[in-house]
């Protein structure tokens, strides 16, 4: 992976993280949500930087031994460069270091590439949520250690 650096997200990264979401015409998080999450001891966010430009991020919320992936997004111009894989691996490492043994997430039923990525890391589909994404079903996936 060409000079991609993964690091903990800071308050100064928020505007660039929102631009990553905008590259997909989505808005999962707001500036206020990110500020609150970055000040919360039970959330953890990482950013992927290429030449000091933020090209992706991942965030989790966790309590005790369970985490939920809040969001993972890679800038549309930087897909297929293993950035999402690198972000997931770093989150899994964080979870392992912090005795988090169960990780869950929701993914659109139509998002086959994301599902395949999660399967690659050992996630399993455990349930479905009907109409979770504005009329589209979501799969709930889980990874346990």
C-alpha atoms as a PDB file:
ATOM      1  CA  UNK A   1       0.000   0.000   0.000  1.00  0.00           C
ATOM      2  CA  UNK A   2       1.636   3.192  -1.227  1.00  0.00           C
ATOM      3  CA  UNK A   3       2.338   5.570   1.660  1.00  0.00           C
ATOM      4  CA  UNK A   4      -0.989   5.084   3.411  1.00  0.00           C
ATOM      5  CA  UNK A   5      -0.704   5.982   7.067  1.00  0.00           C
ATOM      6  CA  UNK A   6      -3.330   4.912   9.618  1.00  0.00           C
ATOM      7  CA  UNK A   7      -3.650   7.063  12.711  1.00  0.00           C
ATOM      8  CA  UNK A   8      -6.101   8.014  15.432  1.00  0.00           C
ATOM      9  CA  UNK A   9      -8.587  10.650  14.285  1.00  0.00           C
ATOM     10  CA  UNK A  10      -8.302  14.099  15.833  1.00  0.00           C
ATOM     11  CA  UNK A  11     -10.709  17.038  16.013  1.00  0.00           C
ATOM     12  CA  UNK A  12      -8.667  18.668  13.220  1.00  0.00           C
ATOM     13  CA  UNK A  13      -9.557  15.760  10.890  1.00  0.00           C
ATOM     14  CA  UNK A  14     -13.344  16.187  11.076  1.00  0.00           C
ATOM     15  CA  UNK A  15     -13.880  18.447   8.046  1.00  0.00           C
ATOM     16  CA  UNK A  16     -11.762  16.155   5.860  1.00  0.00           C
ATOM     17  CA  UNK A  17     -13.610  13.070   7.119  1.00  0.00           C
ATOM     18  CA  UNK A  18     -16.900  14.687   6.111  1.00  0.00           C
ATOM     19  CA  UNK A  19     -15.404  15.337   2.642  1.00  0.00           C
ATOM     20  CA  UNK A  20     -14.675  11.599   2.341  1.00  0.00           C
ATOM     21  CA  UNK A  21     -18.355  10.897   2.962  1.00  0.00           C
ATOM     22  CA  UNK A  22     -19.319  13.610   0.465  1.00  0.00           C
ATOM     23  CA  UNK A  23     -17.275  11.800  -2.213  1.00  0.00           C
ATOM     24  CA  UNK A  24     -20.016   9.138  -2.073  1.00  0.00           C
ATOM     25  CA  UNK A  25     -22.878  11.624  -1.703  1.00  0.00           C
ATOM     26  CA  UNK A  26     -23.615  10.235   1.742  1.00  0.00           C
ATOM     27  CA  UNK A  27     -23.846  11.775   5.173  1.00  0.00           C
ATOM     28  CA  UNK A  28     -23.527   9.184   7.899  1.00  0.00           C
ATOM     29  CA  UNK A  29     -21.988  11.418  10.518  1.00  0.00           C
ATOM     30  CA  UNK A  30     -22.274  15.100  11.335  1.00  0.00           C
ATOM     31  CA  UNK A  31     -19.630  17.435  12.669  1.00  0.00           C
ATOM     32  CA  UNK A  32     -21.365  17.471  16.079  1.00  0.00           C
ATOM     33  CA  UNK A  33     -21.566  13.670  16.177  1.00  0.00           C
ATOM     34  CA  UNK A  34     -17.855  13.390  15.457  1.00  0.00           C
ATOM     35  CA  UNK A  35     -16.911  16.005  18.057  1.00  0.00           C
ATOM     36  CA  UNK A  36     -19.011  14.167  20.645  1.00  0.00           C
ATOM     37  CA  UNK A  37     -17.589  10.786  19.632  1.00  0.00           C
ATOM     38  CA  UNK A  38     -13.991  12.007  19.772  1.00  0.00           C
ATOM     39  CA  UNK A  39     -14.632  13.205  23.332  1.00  0.00           C
ATOM     40  CA  UNK A  40     -16.248   9.891  24.331  1.00  0.00           C
ATOM     41  CA  UNK A  41     -14.109   7.250  26.027  1.00  0.00           C
ATOM     42  CA  UNK A  42     -16.174   4.475  24.416  1.00  0.00           C
ATOM     43  CA  UNK A  43     -15.582   5.403  20.777  1.00  0.00           C
ATOM     44  CA  UNK A  44     -12.458   5.039  18.686  1.00  0.00           C
ATOM     45  CA  UNK A  45     -11.843   6.423  15.201  1.00  0.00           C
ATOM     46  CA  UNK A  46      -8.992   5.979  12.780  1.00  0.00           C
ATOM     47  CA  UNK A  47      -8.199   7.850   9.579  1.00  0.00           C
ATOM     48  CA  UNK A  48      -6.220   6.700   6.561  1.00  0.00           C
ATOM     49  CA  UNK A  49      -3.957   9.364   5.098  1.00  0.00           C
ATOM     50  CA  UNK A  50      -2.180   9.385   1.761  1.00  0.00           C
ATOM     51  CA  UNK A  51       0.324  12.228   1.382  1.00  0.00           C
ATOM     52  CA  UNK A  52      -1.333  13.944   4.372  1.00  0.00           C
ATOM     53  CA  UNK A  53      -4.778  13.792   2.700  1.00  0.00           C
ATOM     54  CA  UNK A  54      -7.477  11.861   4.542  1.00  0.00           C
ATOM     55  CA  UNK A  55      -8.761   9.183   2.162  1.00  0.00           C
ATOM     56  CA  UNK A  56     -10.771   7.017   4.557  1.00  0.00           C
ATOM     57  CA  UNK A  57     -11.914   6.471   8.100  1.00  0.00           C
ATOM     58  CA  UNK A  58     -13.428   3.903  10.434  1.00  0.00           C
ATOM     59  CA  UNK A  59     -15.129   4.338  13.777  1.00  0.00           C
ATOM     60  CA  UNK A  60     -16.347   2.006  16.494  1.00  0.00           C
ATOM     61  CA  UNK A  61     -18.281   2.366  19.696  1.00  0.00           C
ATOM     62  CA  UNK A  62     -17.552  -0.187  22.393  1.00  0.00           C
ATOM     63  CA  UNK A  63     -18.493  -1.200  25.877  1.00  0.00           C
ATOM     64  CA  UNK A  64     -16.903  -3.997  27.862  1.00  0.00           C
ATOM     65  CA  UNK A  65     -16.107  -6.786  25.357  1.00  0.00           C
ATOM     66  CA  UNK A  66     -18.419  -5.706  22.501  1.00  0.00           C
ATOM     67  CA  UNK A  67     -17.898  -3.175  19.707  1.00  0.00           C
ATOM     68  CA  UNK A  68     -20.071  -1.879  16.897  1.00  0.00           C
ATOM     69  CA  UNK A  69     -18.549  -0.492  13.738  1.00  0.00           C
ATOM     70  CA  UNK A  70     -20.236   2.881  13.355  1.00  0.00           C
ATOM     71  CA  UNK A  71     -18.971   3.560   9.875  1.00  0.00           C
ATOM     72  CA  UNK A  72     -16.194   2.835   7.422  1.00  0.00           C
ATOM     73  CA  UNK A  73     -15.821   4.939   4.292  1.00  0.00           C
ATOM     74  CA  UNK A  74     -13.023   5.287   1.740  1.00  0.00           C
ATOM     75  CA  UNK A  75     -12.902   8.244  -0.636  1.00  0.00           C
ATOM     76  CA  UNK A  76     -14.384   7.242  -3.982  1.00  0.00           C
ATOM     77  CA  UNK A  77     -11.130   8.239  -5.726  1.00  0.00           C
ATOM     78  CA  UNK A  78      -9.064   5.862  -3.573  1.00  0.00           C
ATOM     79  CA  UNK A  79     -11.028   2.607  -3.638  1.00  0.00           C
ATOM     80  CA  UNK A  80      -9.432  -0.725  -4.530  1.00  0.00           C
ATOM     81  CA  UNK A  81      -6.184   0.226  -2.773  1.00  0.00           C
ATOM     82  CA  UNK A  82      -6.729  -1.993   0.306  1.00  0.00           C
ATOM     83  CA  UNK A  83      -7.427   1.082   2.459  1.00  0.00           C
ATOM     84  CA  UNK A  84     -10.633  -0.418   3.915  1.00  0.00           C
ATOM     85  CA  UNK A  85      -8.796  -3.663   4.676  1.00  0.00           C
ATOM     86  CA  UNK A  86      -6.044  -1.749   6.433  1.00  0.00           C
ATOM     87  CA  UNK A  87      -8.564   0.236   8.489  1.00  0.00           C
ATOM     88  CA  UNK A  88     -10.426  -2.927   9.498  1.00  0.00           C
ATOM     89  CA  UNK A  89      -7.199  -4.706  10.447  1.00  0.00           C
ATOM     90  CA  UNK A  90      -6.166  -1.763  12.630  1.00  0.00           C
ATOM     91  CA  UNK A  91      -9.575  -1.766  14.349  1.00  0.00           C
ATOM     92  CA  UNK A  92      -9.321  -5.525  14.912  1.00  0.00           C
ATOM     93  CA  UNK A  93      -5.872  -4.988  16.443  1.00  0.00           C
ATOM     94  CA  UNK A  94      -7.300  -2.286  18.740  1.00  0.00           C
ATOM     95  CA  UNK A  95     -10.120  -4.624  19.756  1.00  0.00           C
ATOM     96  CA  UNK A  96      -7.697  -7.459  20.452  1.00  0.00           C
ATOM     97  CA  UNK A  97      -5.466  -5.194  22.575  1.00  0.00           C
ATOM     98  CA  UNK A  98      -8.520  -4.034  24.559  1.00  0.00           C
ATOM     99  CA  UNK A  99     -10.101  -7.469  25.115  1.00  0.00           C
ATOM    100  CA  UNK A 100     -13.025  -6.702  22.815  1.00  0.00           C
ATOM    101  CA  UNK A 101     -14.122 -10.130  21.620  1.00  0.00           C
ATOM    102  CA  UNK A 102     -17.328  -9.392  19.700  1.00  0.00           C
ATOM    103  CA  UNK A 103     -17.612  -6.890  16.847  1.00  0.00           C
ATOM    104  CA  UNK A 104     -20.860  -6.168  15.046  1.00  0.00           C
ATOM    105  CA  UNK A 105     -21.905  -4.053  12.064  1.00  0.00           C
ATOM    106  CA  UNK A 106     -24.748  -3.379   9.654  1.00  0.00           C
ATOM    107  CA  UNK A 107     -24.231  -3.461   5.894  1.00  0.00           C
ATOM    108  CA  UNK A 108     -26.608  -2.791   3.021  1.00  0.00           C
ATOM    109  CA  UNK A 109     -27.981  -5.967   1.484  1.00  0.00           C
ATOM    110  CA  UNK A 110     -26.902  -4.617  -1.936  1.00  0.00           C
ATOM    111  CA  UNK A 111     -23.318  -3.845  -0.877  1.00  0.00           C
ATOM    112  CA  UNK A 112     -21.733  -7.121  -1.948  1.00  0.00           C
ATOM    113  CA  UNK A 113     -18.126  -5.789  -2.074  1.00  0.00           C
ATOM    114  CA  UNK A 114     -18.359  -4.659   1.568  1.00  0.00           C
ATOM    115  CA  UNK A 115     -19.923  -7.961   2.625  1.00  0.00           C
ATOM    116  CA  UNK A 116     -17.128  -9.875   0.906  1.00  0.00           C
ATOM    117  CA  UNK A 117     -14.554  -7.730   2.695  1.00  0.00           C
ATOM    118  CA  UNK A 118     -16.171  -8.435   6.057  1.00  0.00           C
ATOM    119  CA  UNK A 119     -16.354 -12.180   5.300  1.00  0.00           C
ATOM    120  CA  UNK A 120     -12.623 -12.066   4.530  1.00  0.00           C
ATOM    121  CA  UNK A 121     -12.017 -10.822   8.079  1.00  0.00           C
ATOM    122  CA  UNK A 122     -14.179 -13.541   9.649  1.00  0.00           C
ATOM    123  CA  UNK A 123     -17.484 -11.722  10.037  1.00  0.00           C
ATOM    124  CA  UNK A 124     -20.625 -13.817   9.654  1.00  0.00           C
ATOM    125  CA  UNK A 125     -24.143 -12.741   8.720  1.00  0.00           C
ATOM    126  CA  UNK A 126     -26.324 -13.329  11.778  1.00  0.00           C
ATOM    127  CA  UNK A 127     -29.536 -11.433  11.041  1.00  0.00           C
ATOM    128  CA  UNK A 128     -31.397  -8.999   8.798  1.00  0.00           C
ATOM    129  CA  UNK A 129     -33.087  -5.679   9.440  1.00  0.00           C
ATOM    130  CA  UNK A 130     -35.898  -4.921   7.021  1.00  0.00           C
ATOM    131  CA  UNK A 131     -35.976  -1.398   5.551  1.00  0.00           C
ATOM    132  CA  UNK A 132     -33.033  -0.285   7.722  1.00  0.00           C
ATOM    133  CA  UNK A 133     -31.519   1.997   5.088  1.00  0.00           C
ATOM    134  CA  UNK A 134     -34.457   4.084   3.830  1.00  0.00           C
ATOM    135  CA  UNK A 135     -36.281   1.094   2.394  1.00  0.00           C
ATOM    136  CA  UNK A 136     -33.249  -1.138   1.829  1.00  0.00           C
ATOM    137  CA  UNK A 137     -32.590  -4.126   4.054  1.00  0.00           C
ATOM    138  CA  UNK A 138     -29.453  -4.418   6.145  1.00  0.00           C
ATOM    139  CA  UNK A 139     -27.534  -7.496   7.148  1.00  0.00           C
ATOM    140  CA  UNK A 140     -26.195  -7.637  10.671  1.00  0.00           C
ATOM    141  CA  UNK A 141     -22.764  -9.201  10.732  1.00  0.00           C
ATOM    142  CA  UNK A 142     -20.682 -10.319  13.698  1.00  0.00           C
ATOM    143  CA  UNK A 143     -17.144 -11.412  14.391  1.00  0.00           C
ATOM    144  CA  UNK A 144     -16.258 -13.164  17.602  1.00  0.00           C
ATOM    145  CA  UNK A 145     -12.798 -14.086  18.830  1.00  0.00           C
END
